[in-house]
């Protein structure tokens, strides 16, 4: 069947809905181009005039030819469906296997895409850590707290406190004072070490244990609908 006169002049496709003739210009378009509107602007005419749906007409010859085309198309589709069924009937197990394999391939593809996103995310973290590592290494000479810590002098003070404590020389009234000194020494060492990384705390947030991975990664959804 010739279809040159079954094409919508607006979308240039075979009519997707009942063909309707615009008035007064005579263009034939798919009726669905009106949508929910009772009036549209004719984009086919230079003057862009308004067209009311109520003024348009359905020409029987075009409508009948379109109906014949739709019937012929449906018959062709049915014949293809019958051929497909005949082929499946000969080996139904193979059809089931192919059907499931297609779903498996989609699952694998989705898994690969998620893996790419995960790799990209952690690559960014590694890049940031590498950059931070380089910055810290290059600025070692500027770390005053680390470089200026008198390790030997601090060690001597600690050894003296420890020696007096072990030999029970420490007076009771000096116990709190010595404990306070020890805490200050610990703080001084801690700050000197942290100075190497600019005193910043680096950590990785833990995964959310309540995260719904099915919604995050996708889940197999079986729709019981044969229509």
Protein backbone atom coordinates (compact mmCIF):
# COMPACT_ATOMS: atom_id res chain seq x y z
CA UNK A 1 0.00 0.00 0.00
CA UNK A 2 1.26 3.47 -0.93
CA UNK A 3 1.77 5.57 2.18
CA UNK A 4 2.82 8.94 0.74
CA UNK A 5 -0.62 10.40 1.55
CA UNK A 6 -0.69 8.80 5.01
CA UNK A 7 2.08 11.00 6.39
CA UNK A 8 1.46 13.78 8.87
CA UNK A 9 2.81 17.01 7.40
CA UNK A 10 3.74 18.22 10.89
CA UNK A 11 5.82 15.31 12.25
CA UNK A 12 6.50 13.73 8.83
CA UNK A 13 5.59 10.26 10.11
CA UNK A 14 2.87 7.81 9.19
CA UNK A 15 -0.17 8.99 11.14
CA UNK A 16 0.17 8.01 14.79
CA UNK A 17 -3.47 8.87 15.53
CA UNK A 18 -6.64 9.67 13.57
CA UNK A 19 -5.75 12.04 10.68
CA UNK A 20 -7.49 15.39 10.95
CA UNK A 21 -7.67 18.15 8.32
CA UNK A 22 -6.99 21.68 9.50
CA UNK A 23 -9.42 24.40 8.52
CA UNK A 24 -9.21 26.53 6.54
CA UNK A 25 -5.68 25.68 5.29
CA UNK A 26 -6.28 21.98 4.57
CA UNK A 27 -3.14 20.46 6.11
CA UNK A 28 -3.63 16.91 7.39
CA UNK A 29 -1.97 16.13 10.70
CA UNK A 30 -2.18 13.58 13.54
CA UNK A 31 -5.06 14.52 15.80
CA UNK A 32 -2.89 14.01 18.91
CA UNK A 33 -0.93 17.17 18.05
CA UNK A 34 -3.84 19.09 19.53
CA UNK A 35 -3.20 17.34 22.84
CA UNK A 36 -5.62 18.64 25.45
CA UNK A 37 -5.98 22.00 23.69
CA UNK A 38 -9.03 23.06 21.75
CA UNK A 39 -6.97 25.46 19.64
CA UNK A 40 -3.43 25.44 18.24
CA UNK A 41 -1.25 27.62 16.04
CA UNK A 42 -0.68 26.30 12.54
CA UNK A 43 3.08 26.12 12.19
CA UNK A 44 2.80 25.02 8.55
CA UNK A 45 1.40 28.29 7.25
CA UNK A 46 3.48 31.45 7.05
CA UNK A 47 0.90 33.61 8.80
CA UNK A 48 0.85 31.25 11.84
CA UNK A 49 -2.92 31.48 12.14
CA UNK A 50 -4.96 29.85 14.90
CA UNK A 51 -6.86 26.65 14.24
CA UNK A 52 -9.79 25.48 16.34
CA UNK A 53 -10.19 21.73 16.71
CA UNK A 54 -13.94 22.10 16.40
CA UNK A 55 -13.48 23.59 12.89
CA UNK A 56 -11.33 20.72 11.68
CA UNK A 57 -12.74 17.76 9.80
CA UNK A 58 -11.95 14.08 9.37
CA UNK A 59 -12.00 13.21 5.65
CA UNK A 60 -13.47 9.77 5.20
CA UNK A 61 -11.24 8.73 2.29
CA UNK A 62 -8.11 9.48 4.31
CA UNK A 63 -9.56 7.94 7.48
CA UNK A 64 -10.54 4.74 5.63
CA UNK A 65 -7.15 4.42 3.97
CA UNK A 66 -5.48 4.94 7.35
CA UNK A 67 -7.74 2.25 8.87
CA UNK A 68 -6.79 -0.17 6.06
CA UNK A 69 -3.12 0.61 6.61
CA UNK A 70 -3.45 -0.04 10.36
CA UNK A 71 -5.22 -3.36 9.68
CA UNK A 72 -2.57 -4.42 7.19
CA UNK A 73 0.14 -3.45 9.66
CA UNK A 74 -1.56 -5.46 12.43
CA UNK A 75 -1.82 -8.51 10.16
CA UNK A 76 1.89 -8.26 9.32
CA UNK A 77 2.79 -7.99 13.00
CA UNK A 78 0.60 -10.98 13.82
CA UNK A 79 2.29 -13.06 11.12
CA UNK A 80 5.66 -12.21 12.66
CA UNK A 81 4.35 -13.17 16.10
CA UNK A 82 3.12 -16.51 14.72
CA UNK A 83 6.53 -17.22 13.17
CA UNK A 84 8.19 -16.32 16.45
CA UNK A 85 5.87 -18.61 18.39
CA UNK A 86 6.48 -21.44 15.91
CA UNK A 87 10.22 -21.11 16.44
CA UNK A 88 9.88 -21.01 20.24
CA UNK A 89 7.52 -24.00 20.17
CA UNK A 90 10.28 -26.10 18.64
CA UNK A 91 12.70 -25.33 21.49
CA UNK A 92 11.02 -23.63 24.46
CA UNK A 93 13.94 -24.34 26.81
CA UNK A 94 16.27 -22.37 24.57
CA UNK A 95 13.84 -19.44 24.62
CA UNK A 96 13.75 -19.45 28.43
CA UNK A 97 17.56 -19.63 28.56
CA UNK A 98 17.94 -16.73 26.14
CA UNK A 99 15.38 -14.68 28.04
CA UNK A 100 17.17 -15.18 31.37
CA UNK A 101 20.58 -14.58 29.77
CA UNK A 102 19.41 -11.21 28.50
CA UNK A 103 18.46 -10.24 32.06
CA UNK A 104 21.80 -11.56 33.32
CA UNK A 105 23.63 -9.43 30.76
CA UNK A 106 21.75 -6.35 31.96
CA UNK A 107 22.65 -7.20 35.56
CA UNK A 108 26.33 -7.60 34.63
CA UNK A 109 26.28 -4.32 32.72
CA UNK A 110 24.75 -2.53 35.69
CA UNK A 111 27.33 -4.12 37.98
CA UNK A 112 30.16 -2.93 35.71
CA UNK A 113 28.74 0.60 35.62
CA UNK A 114 28.48 0.69 39.41
CA UNK A 115 32.05 -0.63 39.69
CA UNK A 116 33.25 2.20 37.45
CA UNK A 117 31.53 4.74 39.70
CA UNK A 118 33.00 3.13 42.83
CA UNK A 119 36.50 3.06 41.29
CA UNK A 120 36.18 6.69 40.24
CA UNK A 121 35.08 7.69 43.75
CA UNK A 122 38.00 5.98 45.49
CA UNK A 123 40.50 7.08 42.84
CA UNK A 124 39.59 10.67 43.72
CA UNK A 125 40.23 9.92 47.40
CA UNK A 126 43.61 8.34 46.59
CA UNK A 127 44.55 11.33 44.43
CA UNK A 128 43.72 13.70 47.28
CA UNK A 129 45.78 11.63 49.71
CA UNK A 130 48.71 11.53 47.30
CA UNK A 131 48.56 15.29 46.89
CA UNK A 132 48.43 15.77 50.66
CA UNK A 133 51.35 13.38 51.12
CA UNK A 134 53.48 15.37 48.68
CA UNK A 135 52.58 18.68 50.32
CA UNK A 136 53.52 17.36 53.76
CA UNK A 137 56.81 15.94 52.51
CA UNK A 138 57.80 19.17 50.78
CA UNK A 139 57.07 21.33 53.84
CA UNK A 140 58.98 19.31 56.46
CA UNK A 141 61.50 22.11 57.00
CA UNK A 142 58.66 24.47 57.93
CA UNK A 143 57.28 22.27 60.73
CA UNK A 144 58.45 24.28 63.73
CA UNK A 145 56.76 22.19 66.43
CA UNK A 146 58.30 19.00 65.06
CA UNK A 147 61.73 20.43 64.27
CA UNK A 148 62.10 22.43 67.48
CA UNK A 149 61.04 19.74 69.90
CA UNK A 150 63.92 19.16 72.34
CA UNK A 151 63.75 15.39 72.38
CA UNK A 152 66.84 14.84 74.55
CA UNK A 153 65.85 17.50 77.04
CA UNK A 154 62.32 16.11 77.27
CA UNK A 155 63.64 12.57 77.64
CA UNK A 156 65.93 13.66 80.49
CA UNK A 157 63.01 15.26 82.35
CA UNK A 158 60.90 12.13 81.97
CA UNK A 159 63.78 9.90 83.08
CA UNK A 160 64.29 12.03 86.17
CA UNK A 161 60.61 11.89 87.13
CA UNK A 162 60.58 8.13 86.55
CA UNK A 163 63.80 7.62 88.55
CA UNK A 164 62.56 9.60 91.55
CA UNK A 165 59.22 7.76 91.44
CA UNK A 166 60.84 4.29 91.30
CA UNK A 167 63.15 5.08 94.19
CA UNK A 168 60.30 6.62 96.16
CA UNK A 169 62.02 9.96 96.29
CA UNK A 170 59.04 11.85 94.94
CA UNK A 171 57.31 13.78 97.66
CA UNK A 172 53.52 13.21 97.98
CA UNK A 173 52.84 16.88 97.28
CA UNK A 174 54.74 16.57 93.94
CA UNK A 175 52.79 13.59 92.59
CA UNK A 176 50.08 15.74 91.00
CA UNK A 177 52.70 18.17 89.69
CA UNK A 178 54.68 15.36 88.05
CA UNK A 179 51.49 13.84 86.57
CA UNK A 180 50.61 17.21 85.12
CA UNK A 181 54.10 17.53 83.65
CA UNK A 182 53.82 14.08 82.06
CA UNK A 183 50.49 15.04 80.45
CA UNK A 184 52.04 18.25 79.10
CA UNK A 185 54.98 16.26 77.66
CA UNK A 186 52.54 13.86 75.99
CA UNK A 187 50.63 16.78 74.54
CA UNK A 188 53.83 18.37 73.28
CA UNK A 189 54.90 15.17 71.53
CA UNK A 190 51.42 14.66 70.06
CA UNK A 191 51.35 18.21 68.64
CA UNK A 192 54.86 17.78 67.21
CA UNK A 193 53.82 14.61 65.38
CA UNK A 194 50.56 16.15 64.16
CA UNK A 195 52.55 19.13 62.90
CA UNK A 196 53.87 16.86 60.12
CA UNK A 197 50.35 16.70 58.66
CA UNK A 198 49.42 20.30 59.53
CA UNK A 199 47.50 19.15 62.58
CA UNK A 200 44.69 17.82 60.39
CA UNK A 201 42.68 14.73 61.19
CA UNK A 202 42.20 12.35 58.27
CA UNK A 203 39.56 9.66 58.37
CA UNK A 204 37.15 7.87 56.07
CA UNK A 205 33.49 7.97 56.92
CA UNK A 206 32.07 4.50 57.56
CA UNK A 207 29.43 3.05 55.30
CA UNK A 208 25.85 3.56 56.35
CA UNK A 209 24.80 0.18 57.76
CA UNK A 210 21.15 1.04 57.13
CA UNK A 211 21.75 1.78 53.45
CA UNK A 212 19.24 0.10 51.14
CA UNK A 213 21.56 -1.42 48.55
CA UNK A 214 18.61 -2.65 46.47
CA UNK A 215 17.51 0.91 45.78
CA UNK A 216 21.08 2.12 45.43
CA UNK A 217 22.32 -0.52 42.99
CA UNK A 218 19.04 -1.62 41.44
CA UNK A 219 16.93 -4.68 42.10
CA UNK A 220 15.26 -7.36 40.04
CA UNK A 221 11.64 -6.41 39.56
CA UNK A 222 9.24 -9.03 38.16
CA UNK A 223 6.01 -7.56 36.84
CA UNK A 224 3.17 -10.06 36.54
CA UNK A 225 1.65 -8.40 33.47
CA UNK A 226 1.24 -10.29 30.21
CA UNK A 227 -0.58 -7.45 28.41
